[in-house]
All heavy atoms as atom14 arrays in JSON, in Angstrom:
{
  "sequence": "AWSYNPAGLWLFLIMACQIPFRSYQLWRISRGRPEIVLPWALQFTL",
  "atom14_mask": [
    [1, 1, 1, 1, 1, 0, 0, 0, 0, 0, 0, 0, 0, 0],
    [1, 1, 1, 1, 1, 1, 1, 1, 1, 1, 1, 1, 1, 1],
    [1, 1, 1, 1, 1, 1, 0, 0, 0, 0, 0, 0, 0, 0],
    [1, 1, 1, 1, 1, 1, 1, 1, 1, 1, 1, 1, 0, 0],
    [1, 1, 1, 1, 1, 1, 1, 1, 0, 0, 0, 0, 0, 0],
    [1, 1, 1, 1, 1, 1, 1, 0, 0, 0, 0, 0, 0, 0],
    [1, 1, 1, 1, 1, 0, 0, 0, 0, 0, 0, 0, 0, 0],
    [1, 1, 1, 1, 0, 0, 0, 0, 0, 0, 0, 0, 0, 0],
    [1, 1, 1, 1, 1, 1, 1, 1, 0, 0, 0, 0, 0, 0],
    [1, 1, 1, 1, 1, 1, 1, 1, 1, 1, 1, 1, 1, 1],
    [1, 1, 1, 1, 1, 1, 1, 1, 0, 0, 0, 0, 0, 0],
    [1, 1, 1, 1, 1, 1, 1, 1, 1, 1, 1, 0, 0, 0],
    [1, 1, 1, 1, 1, 1, 1, 1, 0, 0, 0, 0, 0, 0],
    [1, 1, 1, 1, 1, 1, 1, 1, 0, 0, 0, 0, 0, 0],
    [1, 1, 1, 1, 1, 1, 1, 1, 0, 0, 0, 0, 0, 0],
    [1, 1, 1, 1, 1, 0, 0, 0, 0, 0, 0, 0, 0, 0],
    [1, 1, 1, 1, 1, 1, 0, 0, 0, 0, 0, 0, 0, 0],
    [1, 1, 1, 1, 1, 1, 1, 1, 1, 0, 0, 0, 0, 0],
    [1, 1, 1, 1, 1, 1, 1, 1, 0, 0, 0, 0, 0, 0],
    [1, 1, 1, 1, 1, 1, 1, 0, 0, 0, 0, 0, 0, 0],
    [1, 1, 1, 1, 1, 1, 1, 1, 1, 1, 1, 0, 0, 0],
    [1, 1, 1, 1, 1, 1, 1, 1, 1, 1, 1, 0, 0, 0],
    [1, 1, 1, 1, 1, 1, 0, 0, 0, 0, 0, 0, 0, 0],
    [1, 1, 1, 1, 1, 1, 1, 1, 1, 1, 1, 1, 0, 0],
    [1, 1, 1, 1, 1, 1, 1, 1, 1, 0, 0, 0, 0, 0],
    [1, 1, 1, 1, 1, 1, 1, 1, 0, 0, 0, 0, 0, 0],
    [1, 1, 1, 1, 1, 1, 1, 1, 1, 1, 1, 1, 1, 1],
    [1, 1, 1, 1, 1, 1, 1, 1, 1, 1, 1, 0, 0, 0],
    [1, 1, 1, 1, 1, 1, 1, 1, 0, 0, 0, 0, 0, 0],
    [1, 1, 1, 1, 1, 1, 0, 0, 0, 0, 0, 0, 0, 0],
    [1, 1, 1, 1, 1, 1, 1, 1, 1, 1, 1, 0, 0, 0],
    [1, 1, 1, 1, 0, 0, 0, 0, 0, 0, 0, 0, 0, 0],
    [1, 1, 1, 1, 1, 1, 1, 1, 1, 1, 1, 0, 0, 0],
    [1, 1, 1, 1, 1, 1, 1, 0, 0, 0, 0, 0, 0, 0],
    [1, 1, 1, 1, 1, 1, 1, 1, 1, 0, 0, 0, 0, 0],
    [1, 1, 1, 1, 1, 1, 1, 1, 0, 0, 0, 0, 0, 0],
    [1, 1, 1, 1, 1, 1, 1, 0, 0, 0, 0, 0, 0, 0],
    [1, 1, 1, 1, 1, 1, 1, 1, 0, 0, 0, 0, 0, 0],
    [1, 1, 1, 1, 1, 1, 1, 0, 0, 0, 0, 0, 0, 0],
    [1, 1, 1, 1, 1, 1, 1, 1, 1, 1, 1, 1, 1, 1],
    [1, 1, 1, 1, 1, 0, 0, 0, 0, 0, 0, 0, 0, 0],
    [1, 1, 1, 1, 1, 1, 1, 1, 0, 0, 0, 0, 0, 0],
    [1, 1, 1, 1, 1, 1, 1, 1, 1, 0, 0, 0, 0, 0],
    [1, 1, 1, 1, 1, 1, 1, 1, 1, 1, 1, 0, 0, 0],
    [1, 1, 1, 1, 1, 1, 1, 0, 0, 0, 0, 0, 0, 0],
    [1, 1, 1, 1, 1, 1, 1, 1, 0, 0, 0, 0, 0, 0]
  ],
  "atom14_positions": [
    [[14.44, -20.5, -13.6], [13.03, -19.97, -13.43], [12.9, -18.73, -14.32], [11.87, -18.56, -14.94], [12.8, -19.63, -12.02], [0.0, 0.0, 0.0], [0.0, 0.0, 0.0], [0.0, 0.0, 0.0], [0.0, 0.0, 0.0], [0.0, 0.0, 0.0], [0.0, 0.0, 0.0], [0.0, 0.0, 0.0], [0.0, 0.0, 0.0], [0.0, 0.0, 0.0]],
    [[13.89, -17.86, -14.33], [13.95, -16.73, -15.21], [13.7, -17.0, -16.63], [12.92, -16.42, -17.46], [15.11, -15.88, -14.89], [15.14, -14.67, -15.76], [15.72, -14.49, -16.93], [14.54, -13.33, -15.5], [15.6, -13.28, -17.48], [14.85, -12.53, -16.48], [13.77, -12.83, -14.46], [14.43, -11.12, -16.58], [13.36, -11.52, -14.5], [13.71, -10.75, -15.51]],
    [[14.43, -18.15, -17.09], [14.39, -18.51, -18.47], [13.08, -19.06, -18.91], [12.64, -18.92, -20.08], [15.48, -19.47, -18.75], [15.28, -20.77, -18.17], [0.0, 0.0, 0.0], [0.0, 0.0, 0.0], [0.0, 0.0, 0.0], [0.0, 0.0, 0.0], [0.0, 0.0, 0.0], [0.0, 0.0, 0.0], [0.0, 0.0, 0.0], [0.0, 0.0, 0.0]],
    [[12.31, -19.68, -17.93], [11.05, -20.28, -18.24], [9.94, -19.12, -18.46], [9.18, -19.2, -19.39], [10.63, -21.28, -17.34], [11.39, -22.6, -17.43], [12.0, -23.1, -16.21], [11.54, -23.29, -18.59], [12.66, -24.31, -16.3], [12.23, -24.47, -18.6], [12.78, -24.92, -17.47], [13.49, -26.14, -17.53], [0.0, 0.0, 0.0], [0.0, 0.0, 0.0]],
    [[9.88, -18.27, -17.49], [8.94, -17.15, -17.54], [9.33, -16.12, -16.49], [9.12, -16.39, -15.37], [7.5, -17.73, -17.24], [6.51, -16.62, -17.51], [6.62, -15.45, -17.4], [5.34, -17.18, -18.0], [0.0, 0.0, 0.0], [0.0, 0.0, 0.0], [0.0, 0.0, 0.0], [0.0, 0.0, 0.0], [0.0, 0.0, 0.0], [0.0, 0.0, 0.0]],
    [[9.91, -15.0, -16.99], [10.35, -13.99, -15.95], [9.26, -13.43, -15.16], [9.47, -13.03, -13.99], [10.94, -12.86, -16.79], [11.28, -13.58, -18.2], [10.34, -14.74, -18.29], [0.0, 0.0, 0.0], [0.0, 0.0, 0.0], [0.0, 0.0, 0.0], [0.0, 0.0, 0.0], [0.0, 0.0, 0.0], [0.0, 0.0, 0.0], [0.0, 0.0, 0.0]],
    [[8.02, -13.32, -15.64], [6.92, -12.85, -14.81], [6.6, -13.79, -13.77], [5.86, -13.4, -12.86], [5.73, -12.51, -15.75], [0.0, 0.0, 0.0], [0.0, 0.0, 0.0], [0.0, 0.0, 0.0], [0.0, 0.0, 0.0], [0.0, 0.0, 0.0], [0.0, 0.0, 0.0], [0.0, 0.0, 0.0], [0.0, 0.0, 0.0], [0.0, 0.0, 0.0]],
    [[6.96, -15.08, -13.85], [6.76, -16.02, -12.78], [7.32, -15.7, -11.58], [6.8, -16.03, -10.48], [0.0, 0.0, 0.0], [0.0, 0.0, 0.0], [0.0, 0.0, 0.0], [0.0, 0.0, 0.0], [0.0, 0.0, 0.0], [0.0, 0.0, 0.0], [0.0, 0.0, 0.0], [0.0, 0.0, 0.0], [0.0, 0.0, 0.0], [0.0, 0.0, 0.0]],
    [[8.45, -14.93, -11.58], [9.08, -14.59, -10.28], [8.18, -13.58, -9.52], [8.13, -13.76, -8.25], [10.51, -13.91, -10.64], [11.47, -14.77, -11.34], [12.7, -14.04, -11.73], [11.83, -16.04, -10.54], [0.0, 0.0, 0.0], [0.0, 0.0, 0.0], [0.0, 0.0, 0.0], [0.0, 0.0, 0.0], [0.0, 0.0, 0.0], [0.0, 0.0, 0.0]],
    [[7.48, -12.72, -10.23], [6.66, -11.78, -9.56], [5.37, -12.57, -8.93], [4.96, -12.34, -7.84], [6.05, -10.79, -10.52], [7.12, -9.77, -10.88], [7.89, -9.62, -12.01], [7.5, -8.63, -10.04], [8.76, -8.57, -11.94], [8.47, -7.95, -10.77], [7.17, -8.23, -8.78], [9.16, -6.84, -10.24], [7.8, -7.11, -8.32], [8.82, -6.49, -8.99]],
    [[4.91, -13.47, -9.82], [3.74, -14.31, -9.24], [4.09, -15.1, -8.07], [3.31, -15.2, -7.18], [3.21, -15.14, -10.4], [2.02, -16.04, -10.12], [0.82, -15.1, -9.71], [1.59, -16.83, -11.33], [0.0, 0.0, 0.0], [0.0, 0.0, 0.0], [0.0, 0.0, 0.0], [0.0, 0.0, 0.0], [0.0, 0.0, 0.0], [0.0, 0.0, 0.0]],
    [[5.3, -15.75, -8.19], [5.73, -16.52, -6.97], [5.86, -15.6, -5.7], [5.46, -16.05, -4.6], [7.13, -17.16, -7.34], [7.54, -18.18, -6.29], [7.07, -19.47, -6.26], [8.48, -17.78, -5.28], [7.45, -20.39, -5.32], [8.93, -18.67, -4.34], [8.36, -19.95, -4.37], [0.0, 0.0, 0.0], [0.0, 0.0, 0.0], [0.0, 0.0, 0.0]],
    [[6.4, -14.44, -5.94], [6.6, -13.53, -4.76], [5.17, -13.22, -4.23], [4.98, -13.17, -3.0], [7.36, -12.27, -5.17], [7.55, -11.26, -4.14], [8.4, -11.74, -3.07], [8.19, -9.94, -4.75], [0.0, 0.0, 0.0], [0.0, 0.0, 0.0], [0.0, 0.0, 0.0], [0.0, 0.0, 0.0], [0.0, 0.0, 0.0], [0.0, 0.0, 0.0]],
    [[4.28, -12.79, -5.13], [2.93, -12.5, -4.63], [2.38, -13.71, -3.92], [1.67, -13.44, -2.86], [1.99, -12.11, -5.89], [2.49, -10.83, -6.46], [0.68, -11.99, -5.51], [1.99, -10.51, -7.86], [0.0, 0.0, 0.0], [0.0, 0.0, 0.0], [0.0, 0.0, 0.0], [0.0, 0.0, 0.0], [0.0, 0.0, 0.0], [0.0, 0.0, 0.0]],
    [[2.45, -14.82, -4.46], [1.86, -16.03, -3.76], [2.55, -16.32, -2.43], [1.95, -16.63, -1.37], [1.97, -17.19, -4.71], [1.32, -17.13, -5.96], [-0.39, -17.03, -5.83], [-0.94, -18.77, -5.61], [0.0, 0.0, 0.0], [0.0, 0.0, 0.0], [0.0, 0.0, 0.0], [0.0, 0.0, 0.0], [0.0, 0.0, 0.0], [0.0, 0.0, 0.0]],
    [[3.88, -16.07, -2.32], [4.6, -16.29, -1.1], [4.17, -15.27, -0.04], [4.13, -15.65, 1.18], [6.15, -16.25, -1.37], [0.0, 0.0, 0.0], [0.0, 0.0, 0.0], [0.0, 0.0, 0.0], [0.0, 0.0, 0.0], [0.0, 0.0, 0.0], [0.0, 0.0, 0.0], [0.0, 0.0, 0.0], [0.0, 0.0, 0.0], [0.0, 0.0, 0.0]],
    [[3.89, -14.08, -0.52], [3.39, -13.05, 0.48], [2.08, -13.34, 1.07], [1.72, -12.82, 2.14], [3.49, -11.67, -0.15], [5.11, -11.07, -0.49], [0.0, 0.0, 0.0], [0.0, 0.0, 0.0], [0.0, 0.0, 0.0], [0.0, 0.0, 0.0], [0.0, 0.0, 0.0], [0.0, 0.0, 0.0], [0.0, 0.0, 0.0], [0.0, 0.0, 0.0]],
    [[1.35, -14.22, 0.47], [0.02, -14.52, 0.95], [0.03, -15.29, 2.19], [-0.84, -15.16, 3.01], [-0.72, -15.31, -0.16], [-1.17, -14.54, -1.35], [-2.2, -13.51, -1.04], [-3.2, -13.71, -0.24], [-2.02, -12.32, -1.47], [0.0, 0.0, 0.0], [0.0, 0.0, 0.0], [0.0, 0.0, 0.0], [0.0, 0.0, 0.0], [0.0, 0.0, 0.0]],
    [[1.1, -16.03, 2.41], [1.19, -16.9, 3.6], [1.22, -16.14, 4.89], [0.39, -16.33, 5.78], [2.41, -17.86, 3.52], [2.12, -18.84, 2.26], [2.57, -18.7, 4.74], [3.3, -19.68, 1.96], [0.0, 0.0, 0.0], [0.0, 0.0, 0.0], [0.0, 0.0, 0.0], [0.0, 0.0, 0.0], [0.0, 0.0, 0.0], [0.0, 0.0, 0.0]],
    [[2.25, -15.17, 5.01], [2.14, -14.35, 6.25], [0.91, -13.44, 6.42], [0.34, -13.24, 7.5], [3.49, -13.57, 6.28], [3.89, -13.51, 4.83], [3.37, -14.82, 4.21], [0.0, 0.0, 0.0], [0.0, 0.0, 0.0], [0.0, 0.0, 0.0], [0.0, 0.0, 0.0], [0.0, 0.0, 0.0], [0.0, 0.0, 0.0], [0.0, 0.0, 0.0]],
    [[0.44, -12.98, 5.21], [-0.61, -12.03, 5.3], [-1.91, -12.81, 5.74], [-2.7, -12.39, 6.69], [-0.94, -11.28, 3.92], [-2.13, -10.49, 3.89], [-2.09, -9.27, 4.59], [-3.22, -10.88, 3.2], [-3.25, -8.43, 4.58], [-4.43, -10.09, 3.16], [-4.36, -8.81, 3.86], [0.0, 0.0, 0.0], [0.0, 0.0, 0.0], [0.0, 0.0, 0.0]],
    [[-2.12, -13.93, 5.17], [-3.38, -14.71, 5.51], [-3.19, -15.14, 6.92], [-4.2, -15.36, 7.71], [-3.55, -15.89, 4.55], [-3.76, -15.39, 3.18], [-5.15, -14.66, 3.07], [-5.14, -14.16, 1.72], [-6.25, -13.41, 1.33], [-7.21, -13.06, 2.21], [-6.25, -12.93, 0.05], [0.0, 0.0, 0.0], [0.0, 0.0, 0.0], [0.0, 0.0, 0.0]],
    [[-2.03, -15.59, 7.39], [-1.82, -16.05, 8.79], [-2.2, -14.86, 9.75], [-2.86, -15.21, 10.72], [-0.41, -16.51, 9.01], [-0.14, -17.61, 8.14], [0.0, 0.0, 0.0], [0.0, 0.0, 0.0], [0.0, 0.0, 0.0], [0.0, 0.0, 0.0], [0.0, 0.0, 0.0], [0.0, 0.0, 0.0], [0.0, 0.0, 0.0], [0.0, 0.0, 0.0]],
    [[-1.72, -13.73, 9.46], [-1.95, -12.58, 10.21], [-3.5, -12.32, 10.25], [-4.15, -11.97, 11.33], [-1.24, -11.35, 9.73], [-1.43, -10.12, 10.55], [-1.12, -10.02, 11.88], [-2.11, -8.98, 10.02], [-1.4, -8.9, 12.67], [-2.38, -7.79, 10.72], [-2.0, -7.85, 12.1], [-2.18, -6.68, 12.84], [0.0, 0.0, 0.0], [0.0, 0.0, 0.0]],
    [[-4.12, -12.42, 9.16], [-5.66, -12.29, 9.01], [-6.34, -13.24, 9.97], [-7.35, -12.87, 10.63], [-6.07, -12.42, 7.59], [-5.8, -11.33, 6.66], [-6.7, -10.13, 6.81], [-6.96, -9.62, 7.87], [-7.19, -9.59, 5.69], [0.0, 0.0, 0.0], [0.0, 0.0, 0.0], [0.0, 0.0, 0.0], [0.0, 0.0, 0.0], [0.0, 0.0, 0.0]],
    [[-5.96, -14.49, 9.9], [-6.51, -15.53, 10.76], [-6.33, -15.2, 12.2], [-7.21, -15.41, 13.11], [-6.03, -16.9, 10.41], [-6.54, -17.46, 9.03], [-5.72, -18.76, 8.7], [-7.92, -17.77, 9.04], [0.0, 0.0, 0.0], [0.0, 0.0, 0.0], [0.0, 0.0, 0.0], [0.0, 0.0, 0.0], [0.0, 0.0, 0.0], [0.0, 0.0, 0.0]],
    [[-5.17, -14.68, 12.63], [-4.84, -14.38, 13.98], [-5.77, -13.22, 14.4], [-6.34, -13.31, 15.51], [-3.38, -13.91, 14.06], [-3.04, -13.52, 15.38], [-2.66, -14.35, 16.5], [-2.93, -12.17, 15.86], [-2.37, -13.69, 17.6], [-2.54, -12.26, 17.25], [-3.21, -10.95, 15.32], [-2.36, -11.21, 18.0], [-2.91, -9.78, 16.16], [-2.58, -9.95, 17.43]],
    [[-5.92, -12.26, 13.55], [-6.88, -11.1, 13.91], [-8.26, -11.51, 14.05], [-8.99, -11.15, 15.03], [-6.75, -10.03, 12.8], [-5.56, -9.18, 12.81], [-5.59, -8.11, 11.64], [-6.74, -7.23, 11.74], [-6.77, -6.11, 12.51], [-5.64, -5.71, 13.09], [-7.78, -5.36, 12.5], [0.0, 0.0, 0.0], [0.0, 0.0, 0.0], [0.0, 0.0, 0.0]],
    [[-8.77, -12.47, 13.19], [-10.15, -12.86, 13.26], [-10.3, -13.64, 14.48], [-11.33, -13.62, 15.17], [-10.53, -13.59, 12.0], [-10.52, -12.65, 10.79], [-11.83, -14.33, 12.08], [-10.61, -13.3, 9.43], [0.0, 0.0, 0.0], [0.0, 0.0, 0.0], [0.0, 0.0, 0.0], [0.0, 0.0, 0.0], [0.0, 0.0, 0.0], [0.0, 0.0, 0.0]],
    [[-9.45, -14.54, 14.82], [-9.41, -15.32, 16.08], [-9.59, -14.52, 17.33], [-9.96, -14.92, 18.32], [-8.33, -16.39, 16.13], [-7.1, -15.74, 16.39], [0.0, 0.0, 0.0], [0.0, 0.0, 0.0], [0.0, 0.0, 0.0], [0.0, 0.0, 0.0], [0.0, 0.0, 0.0], [0.0, 0.0, 0.0], [0.0, 0.0, 0.0], [0.0, 0.0, 0.0]],
    [[-9.01, -13.35, 17.28], [-8.97, -12.36, 18.43], [-10.18, -11.51, 18.42], [-10.32, -10.51, 19.23], [-7.69, -11.55, 18.46], [-6.42, -12.28, 18.49], [-6.1, -12.8, 19.81], [-4.77, -13.38, 20.0], [-4.47, -14.67, 19.62], [-5.25, -15.33, 18.88], [-3.23, -15.12, 19.82], [0.0, 0.0, 0.0], [0.0, 0.0, 0.0], [0.0, 0.0, 0.0]],
    [[-11.07, -11.67, 17.48], [-12.28, -10.85, 17.42], [-12.19, -9.55, 16.74], [-13.15, -8.67, 16.72], [0.0, 0.0, 0.0], [0.0, 0.0, 0.0], [0.0, 0.0, 0.0], [0.0, 0.0, 0.0], [0.0, 0.0, 0.0], [0.0, 0.0, 0.0], [0.0, 0.0, 0.0], [0.0, 0.0, 0.0], [0.0, 0.0, 0.0], [0.0, 0.0, 0.0]],
    [[-11.01, -9.31, 16.1], [-10.72, -8.11, 15.37], [-11.25, -8.25, 13.95], [-11.32, -9.33, 13.35], [-9.28, -7.72, 15.37], [-8.62, -7.5, 16.71], [-7.26, -7.17, 16.71], [-6.76, -6.95, 17.99], [-5.42, -6.93, 18.35], [-4.58, -7.11, 17.43], [-5.09, -6.67, 19.53], [0.0, 0.0, 0.0], [0.0, 0.0, 0.0], [0.0, 0.0, 0.0]],
    [[-11.48, -7.13, 13.35], [-12.03, -7.27, 11.94], [-10.8, -7.5, 10.99], [-9.68, -7.17, 11.22], [-12.6, -5.89, 11.6], [-11.79, -5.0, 12.55], [-11.64, -5.75, 13.78], [0.0, 0.0, 0.0], [0.0, 0.0, 0.0], [0.0, 0.0, 0.0], [0.0, 0.0, 0.0], [0.0, 0.0, 0.0], [0.0, 0.0, 0.0], [0.0, 0.0, 0.0]],
    [[-11.15, -8.17, 9.91], [-10.04, -8.48, 8.92], [-9.7, -7.21, 8.23], [-10.43, -6.29, 8.06], [-10.41, -9.59, 7.92], [-11.58, -9.17, 6.93], [-11.91, -10.31, 6.01], [-11.13, -10.45, 5.08], [-12.86, -10.99, 6.28], [0.0, 0.0, 0.0], [0.0, 0.0, 0.0], [0.0, 0.0, 0.0], [0.0, 0.0, 0.0], [0.0, 0.0, 0.0]],
    [[-8.37, -7.26, 7.74], [-7.86, -6.08, 6.95], [-8.39, -6.18, 5.55], [-8.18, -7.29, 4.91], [-6.31, -6.02, 7.02], [-5.91, -5.87, 8.41], [-5.86, -4.99, 6.13], [-4.42, -6.09, 8.64], [0.0, 0.0, 0.0], [0.0, 0.0, 0.0], [0.0, 0.0, 0.0], [0.0, 0.0, 0.0], [0.0, 0.0, 0.0], [0.0, 0.0, 0.0]],
    [[-8.94, -5.23, 4.93], [-9.5, -5.19, 3.63], [-8.7, -4.26, 2.8], [-8.49, -3.07, 3.1], [-11.05, -4.82, 3.52], [-11.5, -4.87, 2.14], [-11.87, -5.75, 4.4], [0.0, 0.0, 0.0], [0.0, 0.0, 0.0], [0.0, 0.0, 0.0], [0.0, 0.0, 0.0], [0.0, 0.0, 0.0], [0.0, 0.0, 0.0], [0.0, 0.0, 0.0]],
    [[-8.0, -4.76, 1.74], [-7.12, -3.95, 0.87], [-7.48, -4.05, -0.51], [-6.8, -4.75, -1.37], [-5.7, -4.44, 1.06], [-5.11, -4.42, 2.46], [-3.76, -5.12, 2.53], [-4.93, -2.97, 2.9], [0.0, 0.0, 0.0], [0.0, 0.0, 0.0], [0.0, 0.0, 0.0], [0.0, 0.0, 0.0], [0.0, 0.0, 0.0], [0.0, 0.0, 0.0]],
    [[-8.76, -3.57, -0.98], [-9.14, -3.68, -2.38], [-8.13, -3.01, -3.35], [-8.04, -3.63, -4.44], [-10.54, -3.04, -2.36], [-10.5, -2.07, -1.17], [-9.57, -2.71, -0.17], [0.0, 0.0, 0.0], [0.0, 0.0, 0.0], [0.0, 0.0, 0.0], [0.0, 0.0, 0.0], [0.0, 0.0, 0.0], [0.0, 0.0, 0.0], [0.0, 0.0, 0.0]],
    [[-7.54, -2.06, -2.94], [-6.62, -1.29, -3.88], [-5.38, -2.19, -4.07], [-4.78, -2.25, -5.13], [-6.2, 0.09, -3.37], [-5.52, -0.01, -1.9], [-6.14, 0.07, -0.72], [-4.18, -0.27, -1.61], [-5.28, -0.19, 0.28], [-4.06, -0.26, -0.24], [-3.05, -0.55, -2.48], [-2.79, -0.53, 0.38], [-1.84, -0.72, -1.84], [-1.72, -0.74, -0.42]],
    [[-4.96, -2.91, -2.97], [-3.71, -3.81, -3.22], [-3.99, -4.93, -4.15], [-3.11, -5.27, -4.98], [-3.38, -4.32, -1.8], [0.0, 0.0, 0.0], [0.0, 0.0, 0.0], [0.0, 0.0, 0.0], [0.0, 0.0, 0.0], [0.0, 0.0, 0.0], [0.0, 0.0, 0.0], [0.0, 0.0, 0.0], [0.0, 0.0, 0.0], [0.0, 0.0, 0.0]],
    [[-5.09, -5.47, -4.12], [-5.48, -6.49, -4.98], [-5.46, -6.07, -6.47], [-4.99, -6.75, -7.37], [-6.82, -7.18, -4.68], [-7.33, -8.27, -5.68], [-6.38, -9.43, -5.64], [-8.7, -8.69, -5.3], [0.0, 0.0, 0.0], [0.0, 0.0, 0.0], [0.0, 0.0, 0.0], [0.0, 0.0, 0.0], [0.0, 0.0, 0.0], [0.0, 0.0, 0.0]],
    [[-6.05, -4.9, -6.68], [-6.14, -4.4, -7.94], [-4.77, -3.97, -8.52], [-4.32, -4.24, -9.63], [-7.06, -3.14, -8.14], [-8.52, -3.55, -7.87], [-9.42, -2.32, -7.78], [-8.93, -1.14, -7.69], [-10.64, -2.61, -7.69], [0.0, 0.0, 0.0], [0.0, 0.0, 0.0], [0.0, 0.0, 0.0], [0.0, 0.0, 0.0], [0.0, 0.0, 0.0]],
    [[-3.94, -3.44, -7.62], [-2.58, -2.96, -7.97], [-1.81, -4.23, -8.34], [-1.02, -4.31, -9.26], [-1.92, -2.19, -6.84], [-0.61, -1.67, -7.11], [-0.36, -0.61, -7.99], [0.48, -2.32, -6.48], [0.9, -0.15, -8.18], [1.75, -1.93, -6.61], [2.02, -0.83, -7.49], [0.0, 0.0, 0.0], [0.0, 0.0, 0.0], [0.0, 0.0, 0.0]],
    [[-1.86, -5.25, -7.52], [-1.0, -6.5, -7.68], [-1.43, -7.18, -8.99], [-0.56, -7.61, -9.69], [-1.26, -7.38, -6.54], [-0.82, -6.72, -5.28], [-0.45, -8.69, -6.69], [0.0, 0.0, 0.0], [0.0, 0.0, 0.0], [0.0, 0.0, 0.0], [0.0, 0.0, 0.0], [0.0, 0.0, 0.0], [0.0, 0.0, 0.0], [0.0, 0.0, 0.0]],
    [[-2.77, -7.26, -9.23], [-3.15, -7.98, -10.5], [-2.83, -7.11, -11.72], [-2.35, -7.63, -12.79], [-4.7, -8.12, -10.49], [-5.22, -9.11, -9.54], [-6.74, -9.21, -9.55], [-4.63, -10.54, -9.74], [0.0, 0.0, 0.0], [0.0, 0.0, 0.0], [0.0, 0.0, 0.0], [0.0, 0.0, 0.0], [0.0, 0.0, 0.0], [0.0, 0.0, 0.0]]
  ]
}
């Protein structure tokens, strides 16, 4: 994986972190709580 594209490891990690974060968001919304908005995190990650 490193030999094909070293930056792909970061992208894969970012994508993998989306699964628990989005699951937690869905759990919060289903309980009537507001979703967590992290505009700075998106810009920083990108």
